[in-house]
Amino acid sequence: MTRDPAGSVGEFRLDHELVEGFRNGALAPREEDALAEQVARLLPFHWTLPERPAADLSRIIASLGGEHRLLDWLTERSGRPRLVAHLFRLIGLLDWYSAHPAVVSALRDVLANSPLPPIVGAHLTPDVNIASLTGLAWAIETALGEDRTNEATRLAFGAAALFERVARQAGETDPGVGDLADQVARLRVDIAEAYKRM
C-alpha cells in the first residue's frame, strides 16, 4: 500500500466478505483480527479513499457505533491495530486543540524555552500558529500511510511529550483545557507499550 505524489491510495481494499461477516456478527476471532489489520492499514488514507473501501469503512464504523468505538475496537486487538488506534487518538487531540488560544500561546512559550527532539522540530515551522499541532498530526498520519511505522511512532512519542508540557501550561491559564495533559500522558504510555508488543 503506497501513497503516490498526488496523495491517492495505491492498491488497497477491505475484504468485503469480512466486512459483511463483521456486520452480521458472523466472524471467527481470527477473521475479525484480519479485518482489524486491514482497517488499521487503511485508516491513514481515510480522507482519500475510493468509493468502495470508503463505504465498507463507513459500514464498520456504523456497526460499532461511531469513530470512537472504532478506535476502541482496534485497541482490543494486538499488534498494528492497537498501535494505530493509540496514534489516531493522539492525532485527534492534536487536531482538536490546534486552534485553542491557550494551547497555541503555551506552545509558543514552551518552544521558546525548551529544546525539542530533532524529529519533532523537523515538522514544526518557526512561526507557531493554529496549524502547528495539525502539522504534527499530519506528519504522523503520513508516515503511517507510507508504512514508516517506526518513524510515525517516534514522531508521535516526541509530539506527545511536547503536547503534554503544552497542555499542562495551558491548563494553568484556561480551565477549559481540562485533563488534556493527563490524557496525553496516558497516550504516551499506551503508544510505547503497543509499539513494544508489535
N, C-alpha and C. Protein backbone atom coordinates (compact mmCIF):
# COMPACT_ATOMS: atom_id res chain seq x y z
N MET A 1 0.84 -1.18 0.00
CA MET A 1 0.00 0.00 0.00
C MET A 1 0.88 1.23 0.00
N THR A 2 0.70 2.11 -0.95
CA THR A 2 1.55 3.29 -1.06
C THR A 2 0.69 4.52 -1.32
N ARG A 3 1.31 5.66 -1.14
CA ARG A 3 0.67 6.92 -1.49
C ARG A 3 1.50 7.55 -2.58
N ASP A 4 0.86 7.87 -3.71
CA ASP A 4 1.62 8.47 -4.79
C ASP A 4 1.79 9.97 -4.51
N PRO A 5 2.61 10.67 -5.34
CA PRO A 5 2.87 12.09 -5.05
C PRO A 5 1.61 12.94 -4.98
N ALA A 6 0.54 12.52 -5.65
CA ALA A 6 -0.71 13.29 -5.61
C ALA A 6 -1.52 12.98 -4.36
N GLY A 7 -1.08 12.00 -3.58
CA GLY A 7 -1.76 11.70 -2.34
C GLY A 7 -2.85 10.66 -2.47
N SER A 8 -2.96 9.98 -3.61
CA SER A 8 -4.02 9.00 -3.78
C SER A 8 -3.60 7.65 -3.20
N VAL A 9 -4.58 6.78 -3.01
CA VAL A 9 -4.32 5.49 -2.40
C VAL A 9 -3.89 4.50 -3.47
N GLY A 10 -2.88 3.71 -3.16
CA GLY A 10 -2.47 2.65 -4.05
C GLY A 10 -3.43 1.49 -3.97
N GLU A 11 -3.06 0.34 -4.49
CA GLU A 11 -3.94 -0.83 -4.48
C GLU A 11 -4.21 -1.28 -3.06
N PHE A 12 -5.43 -1.03 -2.62
CA PHE A 12 -5.79 -1.45 -1.27
C PHE A 12 -7.30 -1.46 -1.14
N ARG A 13 -7.80 -2.43 -0.39
CA ARG A 13 -9.23 -2.51 -0.15
C ARG A 13 -9.48 -3.29 1.12
N LEU A 14 -10.71 -3.17 1.61
CA LEU A 14 -11.15 -4.03 2.69
C LEU A 14 -11.81 -5.26 2.07
N ASP A 15 -11.62 -6.40 2.70
CA ASP A 15 -12.26 -7.62 2.23
C ASP A 15 -13.76 -7.51 2.49
N HIS A 16 -14.53 -7.39 1.41
CA HIS A 16 -15.97 -7.12 1.55
C HIS A 16 -16.69 -8.24 2.30
N GLU A 17 -16.27 -9.47 2.10
CA GLU A 17 -16.90 -10.59 2.80
C GLU A 17 -16.65 -10.51 4.30
N LEU A 18 -15.43 -10.10 4.69
CA LEU A 18 -15.14 -9.91 6.11
C LEU A 18 -15.97 -8.77 6.68
N VAL A 19 -16.12 -7.71 5.90
CA VAL A 19 -16.93 -6.57 6.37
C VAL A 19 -18.36 -7.00 6.63
N GLU A 20 -18.94 -7.73 5.67
CA GLU A 20 -20.33 -8.17 5.84
C GLU A 20 -20.45 -9.18 6.98
N GLY A 21 -19.46 -10.06 7.11
CA GLY A 21 -19.48 -11.01 8.21
C GLY A 21 -19.39 -10.31 9.55
N PHE A 22 -18.60 -9.26 9.61
CA PHE A 22 -18.47 -8.48 10.85
C PHE A 22 -19.80 -7.82 11.19
N ARG A 23 -20.43 -7.22 10.19
CA ARG A 23 -21.70 -6.53 10.43
C ARG A 23 -22.78 -7.50 10.89
N ASN A 24 -22.67 -8.74 10.46
CA ASN A 24 -23.67 -9.76 10.83
C ASN A 24 -23.27 -10.56 12.07
N GLY A 25 -22.12 -10.22 12.66
CA GLY A 25 -21.66 -10.93 13.85
C GLY A 25 -21.26 -12.37 13.57
N ALA A 26 -20.78 -12.62 12.35
CA ALA A 26 -20.51 -14.00 11.95
C ALA A 26 -19.02 -14.32 11.81
N LEU A 27 -18.14 -13.42 12.23
CA LEU A 27 -16.71 -13.66 12.05
C LEU A 27 -16.12 -14.44 13.22
N ALA A 28 -15.23 -15.37 12.89
CA ALA A 28 -14.43 -16.03 13.91
C ALA A 28 -13.38 -15.03 14.41
N PRO A 29 -12.83 -15.21 15.61
CA PRO A 29 -11.83 -14.27 16.13
C PRO A 29 -10.68 -14.01 15.18
N ARG A 30 -10.19 -15.04 14.52
CA ARG A 30 -9.06 -14.85 13.60
C ARG A 30 -9.47 -13.97 12.41
N GLU A 31 -10.69 -14.15 11.93
CA GLU A 31 -11.17 -13.32 10.81
C GLU A 31 -11.35 -11.87 11.25
N GLU A 32 -11.84 -11.68 12.46
CA GLU A 32 -12.02 -10.32 12.97
C GLU A 32 -10.66 -9.63 13.13
N ASP A 33 -9.66 -10.38 13.57
CA ASP A 33 -8.31 -9.83 13.67
C ASP A 33 -7.78 -9.43 12.30
N ALA A 34 -8.06 -10.26 11.29
CA ALA A 34 -7.62 -9.95 9.92
C ALA A 34 -8.28 -8.68 9.41
N LEU A 35 -9.57 -8.52 9.71
CA LEU A 35 -10.27 -7.30 9.30
C LEU A 35 -9.70 -6.08 10.02
N ALA A 36 -9.41 -6.22 11.30
CA ALA A 36 -8.83 -5.11 12.06
C ALA A 36 -7.48 -4.70 11.48
N GLU A 37 -6.69 -5.66 11.06
CA GLU A 37 -5.40 -5.36 10.43
C GLU A 37 -5.61 -4.56 9.15
N GLN A 38 -6.60 -4.95 8.34
CA GLN A 38 -6.90 -4.22 7.11
C GLN A 38 -7.34 -2.79 7.42
N VAL A 39 -8.21 -2.64 8.41
CA VAL A 39 -8.70 -1.31 8.78
C VAL A 39 -7.55 -0.44 9.26
N ALA A 40 -6.66 -1.01 10.07
CA ALA A 40 -5.53 -0.25 10.58
C ALA A 40 -4.63 0.25 9.45
N ARG A 41 -4.48 -0.54 8.40
CA ARG A 41 -3.64 -0.13 7.27
C ARG A 41 -4.35 0.88 6.38
N LEU A 42 -5.68 0.88 6.44
CA LEU A 42 -6.46 1.78 5.58
C LEU A 42 -6.69 3.15 6.22
N LEU A 43 -6.74 3.22 7.54
CA LEU A 43 -7.11 4.46 8.24
C LEU A 43 -6.30 5.69 7.83
N PRO A 44 -4.99 5.59 7.63
CA PRO A 44 -4.26 6.80 7.24
C PRO A 44 -4.74 7.41 5.92
N PHE A 45 -5.51 6.68 5.15
CA PHE A 45 -6.00 7.17 3.86
C PHE A 45 -7.47 7.56 3.90
N HIS A 46 -8.03 7.69 5.11
CA HIS A 46 -9.49 7.85 5.21
C HIS A 46 -10.01 9.07 4.47
N TRP A 47 -9.16 10.09 4.25
CA TRP A 47 -9.62 11.29 3.54
C TRP A 47 -9.67 11.08 2.03
N THR A 48 -8.94 10.10 1.51
CA THR A 48 -8.80 9.98 0.05
C THR A 48 -9.23 8.61 -0.47
N LEU A 49 -10.04 7.89 0.29
CA LEU A 49 -10.41 6.54 -0.12
C LEU A 49 -11.35 6.54 -1.33
N PRO A 50 -11.16 5.58 -2.24
CA PRO A 50 -12.15 5.37 -3.30
C PRO A 50 -13.50 4.96 -2.70
N GLU A 51 -14.52 4.98 -3.53
CA GLU A 51 -15.89 4.80 -3.05
C GLU A 51 -16.10 3.47 -2.31
N ARG A 52 -15.61 2.36 -2.86
CA ARG A 52 -15.91 1.05 -2.27
C ARG A 52 -15.28 0.88 -0.88
N PRO A 53 -13.95 1.09 -0.72
CA PRO A 53 -13.42 0.95 0.64
C PRO A 53 -13.95 1.99 1.60
N ALA A 54 -14.25 3.19 1.11
CA ALA A 54 -14.84 4.22 1.99
C ALA A 54 -16.19 3.76 2.51
N ALA A 55 -17.00 3.16 1.62
CA ALA A 55 -18.31 2.66 2.03
C ALA A 55 -18.18 1.51 3.02
N ASP A 56 -17.23 0.61 2.77
CA ASP A 56 -17.03 -0.51 3.70
C ASP A 56 -16.57 -0.02 5.07
N LEU A 57 -15.66 0.96 5.08
CA LEU A 57 -15.20 1.51 6.34
C LEU A 57 -16.36 2.18 7.08
N SER A 58 -17.20 2.89 6.35
CA SER A 58 -18.36 3.54 6.97
C SER A 58 -19.31 2.51 7.56
N ARG A 59 -19.46 1.37 6.90
CA ARG A 59 -20.33 0.31 7.43
C ARG A 59 -19.78 -0.25 8.74
N ILE A 60 -18.46 -0.43 8.79
CA ILE A 60 -17.85 -0.92 10.02
C ILE A 60 -18.06 0.09 11.15
N ILE A 61 -17.81 1.35 10.86
CA ILE A 61 -17.97 2.40 11.88
C ILE A 61 -19.41 2.45 12.37
N ALA A 62 -20.37 2.36 11.44
CA ALA A 62 -21.78 2.38 11.84
C ALA A 62 -22.13 1.18 12.70
N SER A 63 -21.59 0.01 12.35
CA SER A 63 -21.87 -1.20 13.14
C SER A 63 -21.33 -1.09 14.56
N LEU A 64 -20.21 -0.40 14.70
CA LEU A 64 -19.58 -0.26 16.02
C LEU A 64 -20.19 0.86 16.85
N GLY A 65 -20.84 1.81 16.16
CA GLY A 65 -21.47 2.90 16.90
C GLY A 65 -20.70 4.21 16.88
N GLY A 66 -19.81 4.38 15.91
CA GLY A 66 -19.10 5.65 15.77
C GLY A 66 -17.59 5.49 15.71
N GLU A 67 -16.93 6.59 15.37
CA GLU A 67 -15.47 6.56 15.18
C GLU A 67 -14.72 6.26 16.47
N HIS A 68 -15.21 6.75 17.61
CA HIS A 68 -14.51 6.46 18.87
C HIS A 68 -14.57 4.96 19.17
N ARG A 69 -15.71 4.34 18.87
CA ARG A 69 -15.83 2.90 19.10
C ARG A 69 -14.95 2.13 18.13
N LEU A 70 -14.72 2.67 16.94
CA LEU A 70 -13.79 2.02 16.01
C LEU A 70 -12.41 1.93 16.64
N LEU A 71 -11.95 3.03 17.24
CA LEU A 71 -10.63 3.02 17.88
C LEU A 71 -10.62 2.09 19.08
N ASP A 72 -11.73 2.03 19.82
CA ASP A 72 -11.81 1.07 20.94
C ASP A 72 -11.68 -0.36 20.43
N TRP A 73 -12.36 -0.64 19.32
CA TRP A 73 -12.33 -1.99 18.73
C TRP A 73 -10.90 -2.35 18.28
N LEU A 74 -10.22 -1.41 17.66
CA LEU A 74 -8.84 -1.66 17.25
C LEU A 74 -7.93 -1.87 18.46
N THR A 75 -8.19 -1.12 19.53
CA THR A 75 -7.38 -1.26 20.74
C THR A 75 -7.50 -2.65 21.35
N GLU A 76 -8.66 -3.28 21.17
CA GLU A 76 -8.87 -4.62 21.70
C GLU A 76 -8.05 -5.68 20.98
N ARG A 77 -7.54 -5.35 19.80
CA ARG A 77 -6.69 -6.27 19.06
C ARG A 77 -5.25 -6.11 19.54
N SER A 78 -4.35 -6.86 18.96
CA SER A 78 -2.93 -6.72 19.27
C SER A 78 -2.20 -6.21 18.04
N GLY A 79 -0.92 -5.95 18.19
CA GLY A 79 -0.08 -5.57 17.06
C GLY A 79 -0.42 -4.21 16.48
N ARG A 80 -0.36 -4.13 15.16
CA ARG A 80 -0.55 -2.85 14.46
C ARG A 80 -1.90 -2.19 14.76
N PRO A 81 -3.02 -2.94 14.79
CA PRO A 81 -4.29 -2.26 15.06
C PRO A 81 -4.28 -1.48 16.37
N ARG A 82 -3.72 -2.06 17.43
CA ARG A 82 -3.70 -1.36 18.72
C ARG A 82 -2.82 -0.11 18.64
N LEU A 83 -1.65 -0.23 18.02
CA LEU A 83 -0.76 0.93 17.90
C LEU A 83 -1.44 2.03 17.08
N VAL A 84 -2.04 1.67 15.97
CA VAL A 84 -2.70 2.66 15.11
C VAL A 84 -3.83 3.36 15.87
N ALA A 85 -4.58 2.62 16.67
CA ALA A 85 -5.66 3.23 17.45
C ALA A 85 -5.11 4.30 18.39
N HIS A 86 -4.03 3.98 19.10
CA HIS A 86 -3.45 4.96 20.02
C HIS A 86 -2.89 6.16 19.26
N LEU A 87 -2.26 5.91 18.11
CA LEU A 87 -1.73 7.02 17.32
C LEU A 87 -2.85 7.92 16.82
N PHE A 88 -3.96 7.33 16.42
CA PHE A 88 -5.08 8.14 15.94
C PHE A 88 -5.77 8.90 17.06
N ARG A 89 -5.73 8.38 18.27
CA ARG A 89 -6.24 9.17 19.40
C ARG A 89 -5.38 10.41 19.60
N LEU A 90 -4.06 10.25 19.49
CA LEU A 90 -3.17 11.40 19.62
C LEU A 90 -3.39 12.38 18.46
N ILE A 91 -3.50 11.86 17.25
CA ILE A 91 -3.76 12.70 16.08
C ILE A 91 -5.04 13.52 16.30
N GLY A 92 -6.07 12.88 16.82
CA GLY A 92 -7.33 13.57 17.06
C GLY A 92 -7.19 14.70 18.07
N LEU A 93 -6.43 14.46 19.14
CA LEU A 93 -6.23 15.52 20.14
C LEU A 93 -5.41 16.67 19.58
N LEU A 94 -4.36 16.35 18.82
CA LEU A 94 -3.55 17.40 18.20
C LEU A 94 -4.41 18.27 17.27
N ASP A 95 -5.26 17.64 16.48
CA ASP A 95 -6.14 18.39 15.58
C ASP A 95 -7.15 19.22 16.35
N TRP A 96 -7.77 18.60 17.37
CA TRP A 96 -8.86 19.25 18.09
C TRP A 96 -8.39 20.51 18.83
N TYR A 97 -7.20 20.44 19.42
CA TYR A 97 -6.72 21.56 20.23
C TYR A 97 -5.79 22.50 19.47
N SER A 98 -5.59 22.26 18.19
CA SER A 98 -4.60 23.05 17.45
C SER A 98 -4.93 24.53 17.39
N ALA A 99 -6.22 24.88 17.43
CA ALA A 99 -6.62 26.28 17.34
C ALA A 99 -7.04 26.86 18.70
N HIS A 100 -6.91 26.10 19.77
CA HIS A 100 -7.30 26.58 21.10
C HIS A 100 -6.33 27.69 21.51
N PRO A 101 -6.82 28.90 21.81
CA PRO A 101 -5.91 30.02 22.09
C PRO A 101 -4.91 29.75 23.21
N ALA A 102 -5.37 29.16 24.32
CA ALA A 102 -4.44 28.90 25.44
C ALA A 102 -3.38 27.88 25.04
N VAL A 103 -3.74 26.92 24.20
CA VAL A 103 -2.78 25.90 23.76
C VAL A 103 -1.76 26.52 22.81
N VAL A 104 -2.22 27.35 21.88
CA VAL A 104 -1.29 27.99 20.95
C VAL A 104 -0.31 28.89 21.71
N SER A 105 -0.83 29.64 22.68
CA SER A 105 0.03 30.52 23.49
C SER A 105 1.04 29.70 24.28
N ALA A 106 0.59 28.61 24.89
CA ALA A 106 1.50 27.75 25.66
C ALA A 106 2.54 27.11 24.76
N LEU A 107 2.14 26.73 23.55
CA LEU A 107 3.08 26.14 22.60
C LEU A 107 4.20 27.13 22.28
N ARG A 108 3.84 28.39 22.07
CA ARG A 108 4.86 29.41 21.81
C ARG A 108 5.86 29.49 22.98
N ASP A 109 5.32 29.52 24.19
CA ASP A 109 6.18 29.64 25.37
C ASP A 109 7.10 28.43 25.53
N VAL A 110 6.52 27.25 25.37
CA VAL A 110 7.32 26.02 25.54
C VAL A 110 8.42 25.95 24.49
N LEU A 111 8.09 26.27 23.25
CA LEU A 111 9.09 26.21 22.19
C LEU A 111 10.19 27.25 22.38
N ALA A 112 9.84 28.37 23.00
CA ALA A 112 10.84 29.41 23.22
C ALA A 112 11.81 29.05 24.35
N ASN A 113 11.39 28.12 25.21
CA ASN A 113 12.19 27.85 26.41
C ASN A 113 12.66 26.40 26.56
N SER A 114 12.32 25.53 25.62
CA SER A 114 12.66 24.11 25.76
C SER A 114 13.25 23.56 24.48
N PRO A 115 14.28 22.75 24.58
CA PRO A 115 14.79 22.08 23.37
C PRO A 115 13.81 21.01 22.90
N LEU A 116 13.79 20.77 21.62
CA LEU A 116 12.88 19.77 21.04
C LEU A 116 13.65 18.58 20.52
N PRO A 117 13.05 17.39 20.57
CA PRO A 117 13.66 16.27 19.85
C PRO A 117 13.75 16.63 18.37
N PRO A 118 14.86 16.34 17.70
CA PRO A 118 15.02 16.71 16.30
C PRO A 118 13.86 16.25 15.41
N ILE A 119 13.32 15.05 15.68
CA ILE A 119 12.26 14.54 14.81
C ILE A 119 11.00 15.40 14.90
N VAL A 120 10.78 16.01 16.06
CA VAL A 120 9.62 16.90 16.22
C VAL A 120 9.91 18.26 15.61
N GLY A 121 11.09 18.78 15.90
CA GLY A 121 11.47 20.08 15.37
C GLY A 121 11.45 20.13 13.85
N ALA A 122 11.72 19.00 13.22
CA ALA A 122 11.73 18.96 11.75
C ALA A 122 10.34 19.18 11.15
N HIS A 123 9.30 19.02 11.96
CA HIS A 123 7.93 19.16 11.44
C HIS A 123 7.20 20.38 11.99
N LEU A 124 7.92 21.26 12.68
CA LEU A 124 7.32 22.49 13.19
C LEU A 124 7.91 23.68 12.47
N THR A 125 7.06 24.59 12.03
CA THR A 125 7.54 25.81 11.39
C THR A 125 8.00 26.78 12.47
N PRO A 126 8.93 27.69 12.15
CA PRO A 126 9.41 28.66 13.14
C PRO A 126 8.29 29.53 13.71
N ASP A 127 7.31 29.86 12.87
CA ASP A 127 6.19 30.69 13.32
C ASP A 127 5.08 29.79 13.84
N VAL A 128 4.87 29.82 15.14
CA VAL A 128 3.83 29.00 15.76
C VAL A 128 2.47 29.60 15.47
N ASN A 129 1.54 28.76 14.98
CA ASN A 129 0.18 29.23 14.71
C ASN A 129 -0.79 28.06 14.87
N ILE A 130 -2.03 28.26 14.45
CA ILE A 130 -3.05 27.22 14.66
C ILE A 130 -2.81 25.98 13.80
N ALA A 131 -1.88 26.07 12.86
CA ALA A 131 -1.58 24.90 12.03
C ALA A 131 -0.42 24.08 12.57
N SER A 132 0.24 24.55 13.62
CA SER A 132 1.46 23.89 14.09
C SER A 132 1.20 22.47 14.58
N LEU A 133 0.24 22.29 15.49
CA LEU A 133 -0.05 20.96 16.00
C LEU A 133 -0.71 20.09 14.95
N THR A 134 -1.53 20.71 14.10
CA THR A 134 -2.14 19.95 13.00
C THR A 134 -1.06 19.40 12.07
N GLY A 135 0.01 20.17 11.88
CA GLY A 135 1.11 19.71 11.04
C GLY A 135 1.78 18.47 11.62
N LEU A 136 1.92 18.43 12.95
CA LEU A 136 2.47 17.23 13.58
C LEU A 136 1.54 16.04 13.38
N ALA A 137 0.24 16.27 13.54
CA ALA A 137 -0.74 15.20 13.34
C ALA A 137 -0.66 14.66 11.91
N TRP A 138 -0.57 15.57 10.95
CA TRP A 138 -0.49 15.17 9.54
C TRP A 138 0.78 14.37 9.27
N ALA A 139 1.88 14.78 9.87
CA ALA A 139 3.15 14.08 9.66
C ALA A 139 3.09 12.66 10.21
N ILE A 140 2.47 12.48 11.37
CA ILE A 140 2.31 11.13 11.94
C ILE A 140 1.45 10.28 11.02
N GLU A 141 0.34 10.83 10.56
CA GLU A 141 -0.57 10.08 9.70
C GLU A 141 0.08 9.73 8.37
N THR A 142 0.84 10.66 7.82
CA THR A 142 1.53 10.41 6.55
C THR A 142 2.56 9.29 6.70
N ALA A 143 3.33 9.33 7.78
CA ALA A 143 4.33 8.27 7.99
C ALA A 143 3.65 6.91 8.13
N LEU A 144 2.52 6.87 8.80
CA LEU A 144 1.77 5.61 8.90
C LEU A 144 1.32 5.13 7.53
N GLY A 145 0.77 6.06 6.74
CA GLY A 145 0.28 5.70 5.42
C GLY A 145 1.36 5.18 4.49
N GLU A 146 2.57 5.67 4.70
CA GLU A 146 3.71 5.22 3.89
C GLU A 146 4.43 4.04 4.52
N ASP A 147 3.80 3.44 5.52
CA ASP A 147 4.31 2.25 6.21
C ASP A 147 5.65 2.49 6.87
N ARG A 148 5.88 3.73 7.32
CA ARG A 148 7.07 4.06 8.11
C ARG A 148 6.65 4.08 9.58
N THR A 149 6.30 2.89 10.07
CA THR A 149 5.72 2.77 11.41
C THR A 149 6.69 3.22 12.49
N ASN A 150 7.96 2.87 12.35
CA ASN A 150 8.96 3.28 13.35
C ASN A 150 9.03 4.80 13.46
N GLU A 151 9.09 5.45 12.30
CA GLU A 151 9.17 6.91 12.28
C GLU A 151 7.89 7.53 12.84
N ALA A 152 6.74 6.99 12.45
CA ALA A 152 5.46 7.51 12.95
C ALA A 152 5.40 7.41 14.47
N THR A 153 5.88 6.29 15.00
CA THR A 153 5.83 6.09 16.45
C THR A 153 6.80 7.02 17.17
N ARG A 154 8.02 7.17 16.65
CA ARG A 154 8.99 8.07 17.28
C ARG A 154 8.49 9.50 17.25
N LEU A 155 7.92 9.90 16.12
CA LEU A 155 7.38 11.26 16.00
C LEU A 155 6.21 11.45 16.96
N ALA A 156 5.33 10.46 17.05
CA ALA A 156 4.18 10.56 17.96
C ALA A 156 4.63 10.65 19.40
N PHE A 157 5.64 9.88 19.76
CA PHE A 157 6.13 9.89 21.13
C PHE A 157 6.72 11.26 21.47
N GLY A 158 7.50 11.81 20.55
CA GLY A 158 8.07 13.14 20.76
C GLY A 158 7.00 14.22 20.78
N ALA A 159 6.03 14.11 19.86
CA ALA A 159 4.94 15.09 19.81
C ALA A 159 4.11 15.04 21.09
N ALA A 160 3.90 13.84 21.61
CA ALA A 160 3.12 13.69 22.84
C ALA A 160 3.86 14.30 24.03
N ALA A 161 5.17 14.13 24.08
CA ALA A 161 5.96 14.72 25.17
C ALA A 161 5.84 16.24 25.14
N LEU A 162 5.95 16.82 23.93
CA LEU A 162 5.79 18.27 23.78
C LEU A 162 4.37 18.69 24.14
N PHE A 163 3.40 17.97 23.61
CA PHE A 163 1.99 18.32 23.80
C PHE A 163 1.59 18.24 25.27
N GLU A 164 2.14 17.29 25.99
CA GLU A 164 1.83 17.18 27.42
C GLU A 164 2.32 18.42 28.17
N ARG A 165 3.55 18.87 27.87
CA ARG A 165 4.07 20.08 28.52
C ARG A 165 3.20 21.29 28.17
N VAL A 166 2.82 21.37 26.90
CA VAL A 166 1.98 22.48 26.45
C VAL A 166 0.63 22.45 27.16
N ALA A 167 0.04 21.27 27.25
CA ALA A 167 -1.28 21.15 27.86
C ALA A 167 -1.25 21.51 29.34
N ARG A 168 -0.18 21.12 30.03
CA ARG A 168 -0.08 21.46 31.46
C ARG A 168 0.03 22.97 31.65
N GLN A 169 0.80 23.62 30.79
CA GLN A 169 0.92 25.08 30.90
C GLN A 169 -0.39 25.75 30.51
N ALA A 170 -1.03 25.27 29.45
CA ALA A 170 -2.31 25.87 29.03
C ALA A 170 -3.37 25.71 30.10
N GLY A 171 -3.35 24.58 30.80
CA GLY A 171 -4.33 24.34 31.85
C GLY A 171 -4.21 25.29 33.02
N GLU A 172 -3.03 25.90 33.20
CA GLU A 172 -2.84 26.86 34.29
C GLU A 172 -3.56 28.17 34.03
N THR A 173 -3.82 28.48 32.77
CA THR A 173 -4.49 29.73 32.42
C THR A 173 -5.91 29.55 31.92
N ASP A 174 -6.26 28.32 31.49
CA ASP A 174 -7.59 28.07 30.95
C ASP A 174 -8.12 26.74 31.46
N PRO A 175 -9.05 26.77 32.40
CA PRO A 175 -9.63 25.53 32.92
C PRO A 175 -10.33 24.70 31.84
N GLY A 176 -10.67 25.32 30.73
CA GLY A 176 -11.34 24.60 29.65
C GLY A 176 -10.49 23.52 29.01
N VAL A 177 -9.19 23.59 29.26
CA VAL A 177 -8.30 22.56 28.73
C VAL A 177 -8.53 21.23 29.46
N GLY A 178 -9.03 21.33 30.69
CA GLY A 178 -9.40 20.13 31.45
C GLY A 178 -8.22 19.21 31.71
N ASP A 179 -8.47 17.91 31.53
CA ASP A 179 -7.44 16.90 31.84
C ASP A 179 -6.64 16.49 30.61
N LEU A 180 -6.52 17.42 29.65
CA LEU A 180 -5.80 17.11 28.41
C LEU A 180 -4.40 16.57 28.68
N ALA A 181 -3.66 17.21 29.59
CA ALA A 181 -2.29 16.76 29.86
C ALA A 181 -2.27 15.32 30.34
N ASP A 182 -3.22 14.95 31.20
CA ASP A 182 -3.27 13.58 31.69
C ASP A 182 -3.64 12.60 30.57
N GLN A 183 -4.55 13.02 29.68
CA GLN A 183 -4.91 12.17 28.54
C GLN A 183 -3.68 11.89 27.68
N VAL A 184 -2.91 12.94 27.41
CA VAL A 184 -1.73 12.79 26.56
C VAL A 184 -0.67 11.94 27.25
N ALA A 185 -0.52 12.12 28.56
CA ALA A 185 0.45 11.31 29.31
C ALA A 185 0.09 9.83 29.23
N ARG A 186 -1.20 9.52 29.36
CA ARG A 186 -1.63 8.11 29.24
C ARG A 186 -1.38 7.58 27.84
N LEU A 187 -1.61 8.43 26.84
CA LEU A 187 -1.38 8.00 25.46
C LEU A 187 0.09 7.70 25.21
N ARG A 188 0.98 8.48 25.80
CA ARG A 188 2.42 8.21 25.64
C ARG A 188 2.74 6.80 26.12
N VAL A 189 2.19 6.44 27.28
CA VAL A 189 2.42 5.10 27.83
C VAL A 189 1.80 4.05 26.91
N ASP A 190 0.57 4.29 26.45
CA ASP A 190 -0.12 3.33 25.59
C ASP A 190 0.63 3.11 24.28
N ILE A 191 1.11 4.20 23.69
CA ILE A 191 1.84 4.11 22.43
C ILE A 191 3.13 3.30 22.63
N ALA A 192 3.85 3.61 23.69
CA ALA A 192 5.10 2.89 23.96
C ALA A 192 4.86 1.40 24.16
N GLU A 193 3.83 1.06 24.93
CA GLU A 193 3.55 -0.35 25.20
C GLU A 193 3.09 -1.07 23.94
N ALA A 194 2.23 -0.43 23.16
CA ALA A 194 1.74 -1.06 21.93
C ALA A 194 2.89 -1.29 20.95
N TYR A 195 3.80 -0.33 20.86
CA TYR A 195 4.92 -0.46 19.94
C TYR A 195 5.84 -1.61 20.36
N LYS A 196 6.08 -1.74 21.65
CA LYS A 196 6.95 -2.82 22.13
C LYS A 196 6.37 -4.19 21.81
N ARG A 197 5.05 -4.30 21.74
CA ARG A 197 4.40 -5.59 21.56
C ARG A 197 4.09 -5.91 20.11
N MET A 198 4.51 -5.05 19.20
CA MET A 198 4.24 -5.31 17.78
C MET A 198 5.11 -6.49 17.28
